[in-house]
Amino acid sequence: MTIAITLNIGLIMVAMAIAVAFTIPDVPVVTLYVVLTVSALVIPVGTWPITHTLWSAIDLRVRPVSDEEAADAQSWVGTHRLHAR
């Protein structure tokens, strides 16, 4: 979530800076407002899988899976496989 928010805010700020730089002195405020608002709603949906995977990788790097957790996961998978059939 933190990575997604940071990426979202960063992309919107860059887009706003580029738009303002190219349209000075007549900045279309309403158009920028609409486009950036829609972007603020769409970008998180598009980047969620990537940022979620990245955050999971960081978490696994910081907190590696213990042998006990791996055994619990294997027993859970084995139990639920039997119930799925």
Protein backbone atom coordinates (compact mmCIF):
# COMPACT_ATOMS: atom_id res chain seq x y z
CA MET A 1 0.00 0.00 0.00
CA THR A 2 2.79 2.41 0.88
CA ILE A 3 4.57 1.74 -2.39
CA ALA A 4 1.34 2.19 -4.35
CA ILE A 5 0.56 5.52 -2.68
CA THR A 6 4.10 6.80 -3.21
CA LEU A 7 4.07 5.73 -6.85
CA ASN A 8 0.64 7.28 -7.41
CA ILE A 9 1.56 10.62 -5.86
CA GLY A 10 4.90 10.68 -7.69
CA LEU A 11 3.37 9.98 -11.10
CA ILE A 12 0.67 12.61 -10.61
CA MET A 13 3.20 15.23 -9.51
CA VAL A 14 5.42 14.50 -12.54
CA ALA A 15 2.42 14.64 -14.89
CA MET A 16 1.29 17.93 -13.35
CA ALA A 17 4.76 19.46 -13.61
CA ILE A 18 5.10 18.43 -17.26
CA ALA A 19 1.62 19.72 -18.12
CA VAL A 20 2.22 23.06 -16.43
CA ALA A 21 5.67 23.41 -18.00
CA PHE A 22 4.27 22.89 -21.51
CA THR A 23 1.22 25.14 -21.10
CA ILE A 24 2.64 28.18 -19.30
CA PRO A 25 1.33 30.99 -19.32
CA ASP A 26 -2.17 29.61 -20.17
CA VAL A 27 -2.50 26.62 -17.84
CA PRO A 28 -5.80 24.76 -18.40
CA VAL A 29 -6.65 24.25 -14.74
CA VAL A 30 -10.01 22.51 -15.19
CA THR A 31 -8.63 20.08 -17.78
CA LEU A 32 -5.64 19.29 -15.57
CA TYR A 33 -7.93 18.80 -12.60
CA VAL A 34 -10.15 16.34 -14.46
CA VAL A 35 -7.30 14.39 -16.09
CA LEU A 36 -5.25 14.14 -12.89
CA THR A 37 -8.29 13.16 -10.81
CA VAL A 38 -9.10 10.33 -13.20
CA SER A 39 -5.41 9.33 -13.16
CA ALA A 40 -5.44 9.30 -9.37
CA LEU A 41 -8.26 6.76 -9.50
CA VAL A 42 -6.93 4.60 -12.36
CA ILE A 43 -3.19 4.41 -11.59
CA PRO A 44 -3.58 2.56 -8.26
CA VAL A 45 -5.79 -0.07 -9.88
CA GLY A 46 -3.25 -0.60 -12.67
CA THR A 47 -0.20 -0.69 -10.44
CA TRP A 48 -1.66 -2.72 -7.57
CA PRO A 49 -0.42 -6.15 -8.73
CA ILE A 50 3.12 -4.87 -9.24
CA THR A 51 3.32 -2.98 -5.96
CA HIS A 52 1.71 -5.84 -4.02
CA THR A 53 4.26 -8.30 -5.42
CA LEU A 54 7.12 -5.90 -4.67
CA TRP A 55 5.94 -5.37 -1.11
CA SER A 56 5.61 -9.15 -0.58
CA ALA A 57 9.16 -9.63 -1.87
CA ILE A 58 10.47 -6.96 0.51
CA ASP A 59 8.58 -8.55 3.41
CA LEU A 60 9.99 -12.02 2.62
CA ARG A 61 13.49 -10.56 2.38
CA VAL A 62 13.18 -8.82 5.75
CA ARG A 63 11.29 -11.65 7.47
CA PRO A 64 12.24 -14.98 5.84
CA VAL A 65 9.83 -17.90 6.23
CA SER A 66 10.80 -20.10 9.18
CA ASP A 67 10.84 -23.89 9.00
CA GLU A 68 7.78 -24.00 11.27
CA GLU A 69 5.82 -21.64 8.99
CA ALA A 70 6.77 -23.69 5.93
CA ALA A 71 5.61 -26.91 7.64
CA ASP A 72 2.31 -25.26 8.64
CA ALA A 73 1.77 -24.08 5.06
CA GLN A 74 2.47 -27.55 3.66
CA SER A 75 0.06 -29.21 6.08
CA TRP A 76 -2.62 -26.60 5.29
CA VAL A 77 -2.21 -27.20 1.54
CA GLY A 78 -2.34 -30.97 2.07
CA THR A 79 -5.49 -30.70 4.17
CA HIS A 80 -7.30 -28.41 1.75
CA ARG A 81 -6.36 -30.47 -1.29
CA LEU A 82 -8.18 -33.42 0.21
CA HIS A 83 -11.32 -31.34 0.82
CA ALA A 84 -11.33 -29.87 -2.70
CA ARG A 85 -11.72 -33.28 -4.35
